Protein backbone atom coordinates (compact mmCIF):
# COMPACT_ATOMS: atom_id res chain seq x y z
CA MET A 1 174.43 87.21 72.72
CA LYS A 2 172.25 87.69 69.63
CA VAL A 3 170.51 84.41 70.37
CA THR A 4 169.81 85.44 74.00
CA ILE A 5 168.35 88.79 72.93
CA LYS A 6 166.22 87.08 70.29
CA LYS A 7 164.86 84.60 72.85
CA ALA A 8 164.07 87.41 75.28
CA PHE A 9 162.19 89.28 72.55
CA TRP A 10 160.00 86.29 71.74
CA ILE A 11 159.31 85.59 75.42
CA ILE A 12 158.14 89.20 75.97
CA ALA A 13 156.02 89.10 72.81
CA ALA A 14 154.36 85.87 73.96
CA LEU A 15 153.55 87.35 77.38
CA VAL A 16 152.03 90.46 75.79
CA LEU A 17 149.88 88.27 73.57
CA ILE A 18 148.66 86.20 76.52
CA PHE A 19 147.68 89.20 78.66
CA THR A 20 145.97 91.12 75.87
CA SER A 21 143.90 88.10 74.82
CA CYS A 22 142.59 87.31 78.33
CA PRO A 23 138.96 88.37 78.96
CA ASN A 24 138.26 91.24 81.34
CA PRO A 25 136.85 89.65 84.50
CA SER A 26 134.54 92.64 85.03
CA GLY A 27 132.85 92.10 81.69
CA GLY A 28 134.64 95.04 80.12
CA ASN A 29 131.92 97.55 81.04
CA GLY A 30 132.19 97.96 84.79
CA GLY A 31 129.59 95.34 85.78
CA GLY A 32 130.29 91.91 87.14
CA ASN A 33 127.33 90.52 85.23
CA GLY A 34 128.22 92.23 81.98
CA GLU A 35 125.73 95.07 82.56
CA THR A 36 126.17 98.64 83.69
CA THR A 37 123.42 100.67 85.35
CA PRO A 38 122.47 103.50 82.99
CA THR A 39 121.77 106.97 84.36
CA ILE A 40 119.18 109.38 82.99
CA ASN A 41 119.68 113.07 83.82
CA ILE A 42 116.23 114.67 83.68
CA THR A 43 117.43 118.28 83.57
CA GLY A 44 115.86 119.97 80.57
CA MET A 45 113.67 116.99 79.67
CA THR A 46 109.90 116.85 79.20
CA VAL A 47 107.70 114.37 81.06
CA ASP A 48 107.01 112.46 77.83
CA GLY A 49 110.73 112.39 77.07
CA LEU A 50 111.51 111.08 80.55
CA LYS A 51 108.87 108.35 80.30
CA SER A 52 110.23 107.23 76.92
CA ALA A 53 113.84 107.25 78.15
CA ILE A 54 113.05 105.14 81.23
CA GLU A 55 111.00 102.60 79.33
CA THR A 56 113.69 102.29 76.65
CA GLU A 57 116.42 101.66 79.23
CA LEU A 58 114.31 99.06 81.04
CA THR A 59 113.86 97.06 77.85
CA GLU A 60 117.64 96.58 77.72
CA ASN A 61 118.68 96.77 81.40
CA ASP A 62 117.41 95.57 84.75
CA ASN A 63 118.15 98.86 86.51
CA VAL A 64 118.10 102.56 85.71
CA THR A 65 119.06 105.53 87.92
CA ILE A 66 117.35 108.92 87.60
CA THR A 67 119.25 112.13 88.46
CA GLY A 68 119.01 115.86 87.74
CA THR A 69 116.27 118.43 88.32
CA MET A 70 112.82 119.17 86.88
CA SER A 71 110.44 121.83 88.19
CA ASP A 72 107.06 123.42 87.43
CA ILE A 73 105.83 120.08 86.11
CA THR A 74 102.20 120.15 84.97
CA ASP A 75 101.76 116.63 83.56
CA PRO A 76 101.62 113.26 85.34
CA LEU A 77 104.39 110.72 84.78
CA ASP A 78 102.93 107.26 84.11
CA LEU A 79 105.44 104.43 84.37
CA ASP A 80 105.03 100.70 83.89
CA ILE A 81 107.92 98.88 85.59
CA PRO A 82 108.22 95.23 84.52
CA VAL A 83 108.94 92.43 86.97
CA ASN A 84 112.59 92.21 88.11
CA LYS A 85 113.26 95.76 86.89
CA THR A 86 114.20 98.65 89.21
CA VAL A 87 114.03 102.44 88.91
CA THR A 88 116.22 104.23 91.47
CA TRP A 89 115.16 107.87 91.83
CA LYS A 90 117.84 110.38 92.93
CA ALA A 91 116.37 113.37 91.10
CA ASP A 92 114.73 116.57 92.36
CA TYR A 93 111.23 116.56 90.83
CA THR A 94 108.79 119.36 91.64
CA GLY A 95 105.27 119.86 90.34
CA LEU A 96 103.83 123.26 89.55
CA GLY A 97 102.31 124.95 92.61
CA LEU A 98 98.57 124.34 93.04
CA ASN A 99 98.55 122.07 90.03
CA ASP A 100 95.15 120.37 90.04
CA ILE A 101 96.06 116.91 88.72
CA ASP A 102 95.14 113.48 90.03
CA ASN A 103 98.70 112.19 90.37
CA GLN A 104 102.27 113.32 89.89
CA ILE A 105 103.81 109.87 89.38
CA ALA A 106 101.61 106.83 88.69
CA LEU A 107 103.13 103.34 88.75
CA THR A 108 101.94 100.05 87.26
CA GLY A 109 103.70 96.72 86.79
CA ALA A 110 105.50 94.31 89.11
CA GLY A 111 108.90 96.01 89.35
CA ASN A 112 110.55 98.22 91.98
CA PHE A 113 110.73 101.99 92.46
CA ILE A 114 113.30 103.27 94.98
CA ILE A 115 113.70 106.89 96.07
CA ALA A 116 117.11 107.40 97.67
CA ASP A 117 120.28 109.47 98.07
CA GLY A 118 118.72 112.92 98.06
CA GLY A 119 115.89 112.06 95.70
CA LYS A 120 112.93 114.41 96.11
CA ILE A 121 109.38 114.42 94.75
CA GLU A 122 107.25 117.43 95.70
CA SER A 123 103.76 118.17 94.44
CA SER A 124 100.29 119.53 95.15
CA ALA A 125 98.67 116.70 93.18
CA GLU A 126 95.90 114.69 94.84
CA ARG A 127 98.25 111.69 94.81
CA ILE A 128 101.96 112.37 94.63
CA ILE A 129 102.79 108.68 94.26
CA ASP A 130 99.89 106.69 92.84
CA LEU A 131 100.35 102.91 93.02
CA ARG A 132 97.62 101.89 90.62
CA ASN A 133 95.26 98.90 90.66
CA ASP A 134 97.65 96.71 88.69
CA PHE A 135 100.81 97.68 90.58
CA THR A 136 102.09 94.57 92.37
CA GLY A 137 105.69 95.68 92.81
CA THR A 138 107.55 97.40 95.65
CA PHE A 139 107.92 101.11 96.40
CA ILE A 140 110.83 101.91 98.74
CA VAL A 141 111.85 105.12 100.52
CA GLU A 142 115.50 104.78 101.52
CA THR A 143 117.82 106.73 103.78
CA GLY A 144 119.87 109.61 102.44
CA GLY A 145 117.53 112.58 102.56
CA SER A 146 114.76 111.17 100.41
CA ILE A 147 111.71 113.41 100.48
CA ILE A 148 108.15 112.97 99.31
CA LYS A 149 106.46 116.26 100.13
CA GLY A 150 102.89 117.41 99.69
CA VAL A 151 102.36 121.15 99.33
CA LEU A 152 99.14 123.11 99.76
CA SER A 153 96.61 121.27 97.65
CA LEU A 154 93.31 122.10 96.04
CA GLY A 155 91.95 118.78 97.31
CA ILE A 156 92.79 116.00 99.73
CA ALA A 157 96.44 115.22 99.12
CA ARG A 158 98.05 111.82 99.61
CA CYS A 159 101.80 111.40 99.46
CA ILE A 160 101.59 107.66 98.70
CA ASP A 161 98.30 106.03 97.74
CA VAL A 162 98.13 102.26 97.30
CA LEU A 163 95.00 101.45 95.33
CA LYS A 164 95.28 97.67 95.23
CA GLY A 165 98.11 95.31 96.10
CA GLY A 166 101.74 96.26 96.15
CA THR A 167 104.26 96.78 98.94
CA VAL A 168 105.54 100.02 100.48
CA ILE A 169 108.74 100.01 102.55
CA VAL A 170 109.93 103.12 104.42
CA ARG A 171 113.52 102.66 105.61
CA GLY A 172 114.47 106.33 105.97
CA GLY A 173 113.97 109.78 104.55
CA THR A 174 110.87 111.88 105.14
CA ILE A 175 107.28 111.84 103.94
CA GLU A 176 105.72 115.23 104.65
CA ALA A 177 101.98 115.41 104.05
CA THR A 178 99.48 118.22 104.21
CA SER A 179 96.78 115.54 104.50
CA TYR A 180 97.87 111.88 104.43
CA ALA A 181 101.36 110.39 104.24
CA ILE A 182 100.20 106.88 103.23
CA THR A 183 96.73 105.59 102.38
CA THR A 184 95.49 102.25 101.09
CA GLY A 185 92.40 101.57 99.00
CA GLY A 186 89.24 99.81 100.07
CA SER A 187 90.31 96.46 98.62
CA SER A 188 94.03 96.97 98.32
CA ASN A 189 95.50 94.01 100.30
CA ALA A 190 98.63 96.14 100.53
CA ARG A 191 101.63 95.57 102.77
CA ILE A 192 103.13 98.64 104.45
CA PHE A 193 106.43 98.36 106.36
CA ILE A 194 107.80 101.24 108.45
CA GLU A 195 111.27 100.59 109.81
CA GLY A 196 112.79 104.09 109.70
CA GLY A 197 112.37 107.64 108.51
CA THR A 198 109.76 110.23 109.48
CA LEU A 199 106.13 110.41 108.37
CA SER A 200 104.17 113.52 109.24
CA SER A 201 100.89 115.31 108.60
CA SER A 202 100.27 119.01 109.12
CA SER A 203 96.47 118.68 109.07
CA GLY A 204 93.89 117.20 111.37
CA ASN A 205 93.74 114.09 109.20
CA PRO A 206 95.44 110.86 110.28
CA THR A 207 99.02 110.57 109.08
CA MET A 208 98.23 107.10 107.71
CA ILE A 209 94.95 105.42 106.79
CA ILE A 210 95.20 101.65 106.40
CA ASN A 211 92.22 99.59 105.23
CA GLY A 212 91.11 97.07 102.65
CA ASN A 213 92.59 93.93 104.27
CA SER A 214 96.00 95.60 104.29
CA THR A 215 98.82 94.99 106.76
CA LEU A 216 100.82 97.70 108.52
CA SER A 217 104.05 96.63 110.22
CA ILE A 218 105.99 99.15 112.32
CA ARG A 219 109.31 98.45 113.98
CA GLY A 220 111.03 101.82 113.77
CA GLY A 221 110.81 105.36 112.50
CA THR A 222 108.75 108.32 113.65
CA ILE A 223 105.08 109.01 112.88
CA THR A 224 103.91 112.50 113.82
CA ASN A 225 100.80 114.60 113.49
CA ALA A 226 100.93 118.37 113.94
CA SER A 227 97.29 118.52 114.97
CA THR A 228 95.15 116.29 117.17
CA GLY A 229 94.64 113.76 114.39
CA ALA A 230 95.62 110.15 114.84
CA ALA A 231 99.03 108.90 113.80
CA VAL A 232 97.40 105.81 112.31
CA SER A 233 93.76 105.09 111.49
CA VAL A 234 92.69 101.62 110.39
CA ASP A 235 89.45 99.89 109.52
CA ASN A 236 88.35 96.57 110.98
CA THR A 237 89.81 94.58 108.08
CA ALA A 238 93.40 95.78 108.63
CA LYS A 239 96.15 94.18 110.66
CA VAL A 240 98.74 96.22 112.57
CA TYR A 241 101.99 94.84 113.99
CA VAL A 242 104.29 96.86 116.24
CA ALA A 243 107.78 95.88 117.37
CA GLY A 244 111.00 97.61 118.32
CA SER A 245 110.92 101.24 119.41
CA PRO A 246 108.95 103.37 116.96
CA VAL A 247 108.00 106.92 117.96
CA ILE A 248 104.28 107.56 117.48
CA ALA A 249 103.44 111.14 118.37
CA GLU A 250 100.15 112.00 120.03
CA GLY A 251 100.03 108.34 121.03
CA LYS A 252 97.08 107.53 118.84
CA ILE A 253 96.18 104.51 116.76
CA GLU A 254 92.48 104.42 116.07
CA ARG A 255 89.93 102.33 114.24
CA TYR A 256 87.16 103.64 112.05
CA PHE A 257 84.29 101.47 110.89
CA SER A 258 81.13 101.58 108.82
CA ASN A 259 77.48 101.94 109.67
CA ALA A 260 74.40 102.87 107.67
CA SER A 261 75.52 106.49 107.51
CA GLY A 262 79.00 105.71 106.22
CA TYR A 263 82.40 105.85 107.90
CA TYR A 264 83.03 107.42 111.25
CA THR A 265 85.83 107.31 113.75
CA GLY A 266 85.73 105.01 116.74
CA ASP A 267 87.58 105.27 120.04
CA HIS A 268 91.34 105.23 120.13
CA LEU A 269 92.49 101.65 120.39
CA ALA A 270 96.01 102.25 121.61
CA LYS A 271 98.17 104.87 123.23
CA PHE A 272 101.92 104.97 123.04
CA ASN A 273 103.95 105.66 126.16
CA THR A 274 107.70 106.10 125.83
CA THR A 275 108.25 104.19 129.07
CA THR A 276 105.76 101.35 128.95
CA GLY A 277 105.16 101.07 125.21
CA PHE A 278 101.68 100.49 123.86
CA ILE A 279 98.70 100.33 126.16
CA PHE A 280 95.77 98.57 124.52
CA THR A 281 92.23 99.44 125.45
CA VAL A 282 90.25 97.03 123.28
CA ASP A 283 88.31 94.02 124.53
CA GLY A 284 86.34 91.39 122.65
CA PRO A 285 86.69 90.48 118.97
CA ASP A 286 88.77 93.56 118.11
CA ALA A 287 91.46 92.76 120.67
CA ASN A 288 93.56 90.90 118.10
CA LEU A 289 93.65 93.81 115.70
CA PHE A 290 97.01 94.90 117.11
CA ALA A 291 99.92 92.65 117.95
CA VAL A 292 103.16 93.71 119.64
CA THR A 293 105.27 91.23 117.77
CA GLU A 294 107.27 90.75 114.62
CA PRO A 295 104.88 90.47 111.67
CA PRO A 296 104.84 87.05 110.03
CA ASP A 297 106.18 88.31 106.70
CA TRP A 298 108.85 90.77 107.88
CA ALA A 299 111.46 88.33 106.63
CA VAL A 300 110.76 89.49 103.07
CA LEU A 301 112.76 92.64 103.85
CA GLU A 302 115.90 90.93 105.04
């Protein structure tokens, strides 16, 4: 009997040793690749402190999530997001009312910025989201109540301004502009994809202005304008693709072009009818400006 008990003891001890020495298949920190996603709560932080915290986390991690609340913000937040790095914004971030600054959040680098899951950025800055000349990454507005909201501004306010290059993807949420929801620069070569969400303007300005050899691809979502302004205004270097069943209020997509006196607005190129879809009114060399088809590079979103 003593021998049997002794054998049982050693068998149990051996099993305990085996199980405790085996590696944790999850990496031991909750991530299958050995990395967790750190979270920064911005409540009570300064803009400089937030910038430093994000940049520090991105030197050690591929992803960082931003939560919490900041309000009455008077300073711009300048972020450089390296390639293959992602900032996911779930925070409530509100600039000081009638704060006369150029931008609220300015992005450079080749990484990704995602606003999702109740994230909100509200400001009276001239550019709420400023994708600078050397930003070549991707800015994404996801579903889940994401809001980029322009309040009464001292100047012409843009919710998202793409100066040169870069990609903007709107999958959901809302972009509420007092002037422009999305604009692209004169030589931006930007790619704008609208596949969900709501973009609106409460002024007589177009909800979106697309120029500078940029491409606008629409296959969903709602684009509205509270006044008589166009839903979309493009110059003669832009390409516009429309597919699916987007809702374009006021039924207006228009082209503006340049003459010796500067820019002025041309005739409406297309009207949207909920029954028949788009009716195109352009003949000649401009007829190919719009295409009711899947854009050639939509696959990058899949």
